């Protein structure tokens, strides 16, 4: 893409992120929410629809040439927003703070401005997340083993 096209795409994504995350001020608070938070109020499907809308920014980042590590970090932001957003009440407050779309547009902007630094930080994030997930799986496996072992001894009487 020509630099001018990248700037246009970036401006379009910044505007979309603003509509999704910040376009509606909350009276009495120094905070705002966007359409994503309002759509998230729909039980059952709201956060899924919000995640699909957020995925447009992710796909645009892929078209702009963002590497997999940056895209994975962006996907994590969307997934966290959708999962926590699905929790009643807590998810609504989370939407005021997290603002995954603006985080993702900022991450894309950082990549376009300083690609090397952003890729290194994103890779570190992805590796850390992967290690944490492996540790969680191993911890759950160990707990499961100990539980089955305790049940076996309780049933067999040895």
C-alpha atoms as a PDB file:
ATOM      1  CA  UNK A   1       0.000   0.000   0.000  1.00  0.00           C
ATOM      2  CA  UNK A   2       1.121   3.528  -0.703  1.00  0.00           C
ATOM      3  CA  UNK A   3       1.814   5.618   2.413  1.00  0.00           C
ATOM      4  CA  UNK A   4      -1.175   7.858   1.654  1.00  0.00           C
ATOM      5  CA  UNK A   5      -3.427   4.785   1.482  1.00  0.00           C
ATOM      6  CA  UNK A   6      -2.019   3.581   4.819  1.00  0.00           C
ATOM      7  CA  UNK A   7      -2.725   6.982   6.368  1.00  0.00           C
ATOM      8  CA  UNK A   8      -6.294   6.906   5.053  1.00  0.00           C
ATOM      9  CA  UNK A   9      -6.806   3.372   6.373  1.00  0.00           C
ATOM     10  CA  UNK A  10      -5.311   4.355   9.714  1.00  0.00           C
ATOM     11  CA  UNK A  11      -7.625   7.390  10.016  1.00  0.00           C
ATOM     12  CA  UNK A  12     -10.629   5.249   9.082  1.00  0.00           C
ATOM     13  CA  UNK A  13      -9.714   2.666  11.728  1.00  0.00           C
ATOM     14  CA  UNK A  14      -9.148   5.359  14.364  1.00  0.00           C
ATOM     15  CA  UNK A  15     -12.614   6.748  13.634  1.00  0.00           C
ATOM     16  CA  UNK A  16     -14.180   3.268  13.814  1.00  0.00           C
ATOM     17  CA  UNK A  17     -12.415   2.553  17.123  1.00  0.00           C
ATOM     18  CA  UNK A  18     -13.692   5.862  18.508  1.00  0.00           C
ATOM     19  CA  UNK A  19     -17.283   4.986  17.538  1.00  0.00           C
ATOM     20  CA  UNK A  20     -16.951   1.516  19.043  1.00  0.00           C
ATOM     21  CA  UNK A  21     -15.194   2.565  22.274  1.00  0.00           C
ATOM     22  CA  UNK A  22     -15.640   6.260  23.110  1.00  0.00           C
ATOM     23  CA  UNK A  23     -18.432   7.950  21.171  1.00  0.00           C
ATOM     24  CA  UNK A  24     -20.943   8.197  24.040  1.00  0.00           C
ATOM     25  CA  UNK A  25     -19.960  10.264  27.103  1.00  0.00           C
ATOM     26  CA  UNK A  26     -21.261   9.061  30.473  1.00  0.00           C
ATOM     27  CA  UNK A  27     -22.900  11.980  32.300  1.00  0.00           C
ATOM     28  CA  UNK A  28     -21.315  12.783  35.645  1.00  0.00           C
ATOM     29  CA  UNK A  29     -18.192  10.760  34.946  1.00  0.00           C
ATOM     30  CA  UNK A  30     -15.049  11.619  33.091  1.00  0.00           C
ATOM     31  CA  UNK A  31     -15.538   8.508  30.964  1.00  0.00           C
ATOM     32  CA  UNK A  32     -17.244   7.373  27.813  1.00  0.00           C
ATOM     33  CA  UNK A  33     -18.387   4.194  26.134  1.00  0.00           C
ATOM     34  CA  UNK A  34     -19.110   3.338  22.543  1.00  0.00           C
ATOM     35  CA  UNK A  35     -21.386   1.268  20.423  1.00  0.00           C
ATOM     36  CA  UNK A  36     -19.507  -1.884  21.428  1.00  0.00           C
ATOM     37  CA  UNK A  37     -20.616  -1.446  25.046  1.00  0.00           C
ATOM     38  CA  UNK A  38     -24.222  -0.789  24.013  1.00  0.00           C
ATOM     39  CA  UNK A  39     -24.300  -3.810  21.709  1.00  0.00           C
ATOM     40  CA  UNK A  40     -22.726  -5.825  24.539  1.00  0.00           C
ATOM     41  CA  UNK A  41     -25.858  -5.228  26.616  1.00  0.00           C
ATOM     42  CA  UNK A  42     -27.785  -7.620  24.351  1.00  0.00           C
ATOM     43  CA  UNK A  43     -27.883 -10.897  26.283  1.00  0.00           C
ATOM     44  CA  UNK A  44     -26.232 -13.859  24.635  1.00  0.00           C
ATOM     45  CA  UNK A  45     -25.181 -12.318  21.332  1.00  0.00           C
ATOM     46  CA  UNK A  46     -24.106  -8.747  22.094  1.00  0.00           C
ATOM     47  CA  UNK A  47     -20.482  -9.474  22.912  1.00  0.00           C
ATOM     48  CA  UNK A  48     -20.197 -11.835  19.952  1.00  0.00           C
ATOM     49  CA  UNK A  49     -21.438  -9.105  17.623  1.00  0.00           C
ATOM     50  CA  UNK A  50     -19.007  -6.672  19.261  1.00  0.00           C
ATOM     51  CA  UNK A  51     -16.128  -9.101  18.708  1.00  0.00           C
ATOM     52  CA  UNK A  52     -17.104  -9.464  15.051  1.00  0.00           C
ATOM     53  CA  UNK A  53     -17.095  -5.680  14.634  1.00  0.00           C
ATOM     54  CA  UNK A  54     -13.707  -5.508  16.357  1.00  0.00           C
ATOM     55  CA  UNK A  55     -12.406  -8.164  13.992  1.00  0.00           C
ATOM     56  CA  UNK A  56     -12.656  -5.666  11.146  1.00  0.00           C
ATOM     57  CA  UNK A  57      -9.749  -3.748  12.681  1.00  0.00           C
ATOM     58  CA  UNK A  58      -7.825  -7.017  12.997  1.00  0.00           C
ATOM     59  CA  UNK A  59      -8.401  -7.900   9.335  1.00  0.00           C
ATOM     60  CA  UNK A  60      -7.442  -4.366   8.255  1.00  0.00           C
ATOM     61  CA  UNK A  61      -4.198  -4.725  10.222  1.00  0.00           C
ATOM     62  CA  UNK A  62      -3.496  -7.967   8.372  1.00  0.00           C
ATOM     63  CA  UNK A  63      -4.114  -6.210   5.041  1.00  0.00           C
ATOM     64  CA  UNK A  64      -1.698  -3.451   6.114  1.00  0.00           C
ATOM     65  CA  UNK A  65       0.991  -6.081   6.636  1.00  0.00           C
ATOM     66  CA  UNK A  66       1.074  -6.455  10.424  1.00  0.00           C
ATOM     67  CA  UNK A  67       2.988  -9.608  11.426  1.00  0.00           C
ATOM     68  CA  UNK A  68       1.414 -12.567  13.202  1.00  0.00           C
ATOM     69  CA  UNK A  69       2.726 -11.558  16.628  1.00  0.00           C
ATOM     70  CA  UNK A  70       0.982  -8.168  16.404  1.00  0.00           C
ATOM     71  CA  UNK A  71      -2.188  -9.801  15.072  1.00  0.00           C
ATOM     72  CA  UNK A  72      -2.155 -12.330  17.927  1.00  0.00           C
ATOM     73  CA  UNK A  73      -1.867  -9.541  20.488  1.00  0.00           C
ATOM     74  CA  UNK A  74      -4.766  -7.749  18.813  1.00  0.00           C
ATOM     75  CA  UNK A  75      -6.812 -10.972  18.818  1.00  0.00           C
ATOM     76  CA  UNK A  76      -6.082 -11.368  22.533  1.00  0.00           C
ATOM     77  CA  UNK A  77      -7.435  -7.859  23.171  1.00  0.00           C
ATOM     78  CA  UNK A  78     -10.639  -8.727  21.280  1.00  0.00           C
ATOM     79  CA  UNK A  79     -11.042 -12.087  23.015  1.00  0.00           C
ATOM     80  CA  UNK A  80     -10.513 -10.615  26.475  1.00  0.00           C
ATOM     81  CA  UNK A  81     -13.041  -7.873  25.706  1.00  0.00           C
ATOM     82  CA  UNK A  82     -15.587 -10.448  24.534  1.00  0.00           C
ATOM     83  CA  UNK A  83     -15.088 -12.935  27.387  1.00  0.00           C
ATOM     84  CA  UNK A  84     -15.047 -10.442  30.256  1.00  0.00           C
ATOM     85  CA  UNK A  85     -17.710  -8.360  28.532  1.00  0.00           C
ATOM     86  CA  UNK A  86     -20.044 -11.359  28.629  1.00  0.00           C
ATOM     87  CA  UNK A  87     -20.072 -11.283  32.436  1.00  0.00           C
ATOM     88  CA  UNK A  88     -23.138  -9.458  33.753  1.00  0.00           C
ATOM     89  CA  UNK A  89     -22.451  -6.010  35.270  1.00  0.00           C
ATOM     90  CA  UNK A  90     -18.677  -6.591  35.583  1.00  0.00           C
ATOM     91  CA  UNK A  91     -18.402  -6.787  31.805  1.00  0.00           C
ATOM     92  CA  UNK A  92     -20.177  -3.461  31.398  1.00  0.00           C
ATOM     93  CA  UNK A  93     -17.719  -1.757  33.738  1.00  0.00           C
ATOM     94  CA  UNK A  94     -14.849  -3.519  31.971  1.00  0.00           C
ATOM     95  CA  UNK A  95     -15.965  -1.956  28.667  1.00  0.00           C
ATOM     96  CA  UNK A  96     -15.477   1.505  30.176  1.00  0.00           C
ATOM     97  CA  UNK A  97     -11.834   0.729  30.953  1.00  0.00           C
ATOM     98  CA  UNK A  98     -10.476  -1.805  28.443  1.00  0.00           C
ATOM     99  CA  UNK A  99     -11.369  -0.281  25.022  1.00  0.00           C
ATOM    100  CA  UNK A 100      -9.922  -3.094  22.924  1.00  0.00           C
ATOM    101  CA  UNK A 101     -10.537  -1.356  19.600  1.00  0.00           C
ATOM    102  CA  UNK A 102      -8.553   1.715  20.536  1.00  0.00           C
ATOM    103  CA  UNK A 103      -5.806  -0.485  21.962  1.00  0.00           C
ATOM    104  CA  UNK A 104      -5.674  -2.369  18.669  1.00  0.00           C
ATOM    105  CA  UNK A 105      -5.590   0.765  16.525  1.00  0.00           C
ATOM    106  CA  UNK A 106      -2.819   2.134  18.759  1.00  0.00           C
ATOM    107  CA  UNK A 107      -0.924  -1.150  18.401  1.00  0.00           C
ATOM    108  CA  UNK A 108      -1.304  -0.993  14.616  1.00  0.00           C
ATOM    109  CA  UNK A 109      -0.168   2.639  14.614  1.00  0.00           C
ATOM    110  CA  UNK A 110       2.853   1.729  16.708  1.00  0.00           C
ATOM    111  CA  UNK A 111       3.672  -1.029  14.234  1.00  0.00           C
ATOM    112  CA  UNK A 112       3.360   1.317  11.251  1.00  0.00           C
ATOM    113  CA  UNK A 113       5.533   3.943  12.982  1.00  0.00           C
ATOM    114  CA  UNK A 114       8.120   1.672  14.686  1.00  0.00           C
ATOM    115  CA  UNK A 115       7.778  -1.826  13.252  1.00  0.00           C
ATOM    116  CA  UNK A 116      10.826  -3.443  14.876  1.00  0.00           C
ATOM    117  CA  UNK A 117      10.059  -2.267  18.415  1.00  0.00           C
ATOM    118  CA  UNK A 118       6.377  -3.244  18.151  1.00  0.00           C
ATOM    119  CA  UNK A 119       7.147  -6.690  16.734  1.00  0.00           C
ATOM    120  CA  UNK A 120       9.653  -7.416  19.519  1.00  0.00           C
ATOM    121  CA  UNK A 121       7.165  -6.333  22.216  1.00  0.00           C
ATOM    122  CA  UNK A 122       4.356  -8.333  20.595  1.00  0.00           C
ATOM    123  CA  UNK A 123       6.494 -11.457  20.308  1.00  0.00           C
ATOM    124  CA  UNK A 124       7.446 -11.163  23.956  1.00  0.00           C
ATOM    125  CA  UNK A 125       3.760 -10.834  24.858  1.00  0.00           C
ATOM    126  CA  UNK A 126       2.784 -13.862  22.744  1.00  0.00           C
ATOM    127  CA  UNK A 127       5.568 -16.029  24.215  1.00  0.00           C
ATOM    128  CA  UNK A 128       4.673 -14.978  27.760  1.00  0.00           C
ATOM    129  CA  UNK A 129       1.006 -15.710  27.139  1.00  0.00           C
ATOM    130  CA  UNK A 130       1.892 -19.086  25.642  1.00  0.00           C
ATOM    131  CA  UNK A 131       4.049 -20.012  28.622  1.00  0.00           C
ATOM    132  CA  UNK A 132       1.325 -18.942  31.046  1.00  0.00           C
ATOM    133  CA  UNK A 133      -1.234 -21.047  29.186  1.00  0.00           C
ATOM    134  CA  UNK A 134       1.102 -24.062  29.186  1.00  0.00           C
ATOM    135  CA  UNK A 135       1.655 -23.597  32.912  1.00  0.00           C
ATOM    136  CA  UNK A 136      -2.099 -23.396  33.484  1.00  0.00           C
ATOM    137  CA  UNK A 137      -2.692 -26.581  31.499  1.00  0.00           C
ATOM    138  CA  UNK A 138       0.040 -28.378  33.433  1.00  0.00           C
ATOM    139  CA  UNK A 139      -1.366 -27.121  36.751  1.00  0.00           C
ATOM    140  CA  UNK A 140      -4.867 -28.315  35.843  1.00  0.00           C
ATOM    141  CA  UNK A 141      -3.422 -31.647  34.721  1.00  0.00           C
ATOM    142  CA  UNK A 142      -1.578 -32.061  38.026  1.00  0.00           C
ATOM    143  CA  UNK A 143      -4.694 -31.181  40.026  1.00  0.00           C
ATOM    144  CA  UNK A 144      -6.731 -33.635  37.962  1.00  0.00           C
ATOM    145  CA  UNK A 145      -4.165 -36.375  38.544  1.00  0.00           C
ATOM    146  CA  UNK A 146      -4.138 -35.726  42.298  1.00  0.00           C
ATOM    147  CA  UNK A 147      -7.947 -35.696  42.420  1.00  0.00           C
ATOM    148  CA  UNK A 148      -8.254 -38.974  40.503  1.00  0.00           C
ATOM    149  CA  UNK A 149      -5.545 -40.507  42.687  1.00  0.00           C
ATOM    150  CA  UNK A 150      -7.321 -39.419  45.893  1.00  0.00           C
ATOM    151  CA  UNK A 151     -10.629 -40.771  44.588  1.00  0.00           C
ATOM    152  CA  UNK A 152      -8.970 -44.046  43.604  1.00  0.00           C
ATOM    153  CA  UNK A 153      -7.497 -44.496  47.094  1.00  0.00           C
ATOM    154  CA  UNK A 154     -10.838 -43.538  48.691  1.00  0.00           C
ATOM    155  CA  UNK A 155     -12.750 -46.077  46.606  1.00  0.00           C
ATOM    156  CA  UNK A 156     -10.203 -48.909  46.770  1.00  0.00           C
ATOM    157  CA  UNK A 157      -9.516 -48.399  50.467  1.00  0.00           C
ATOM    158  CA  UNK A 158      -5.741 -48.592  50.148  1.00  0.00           C
END
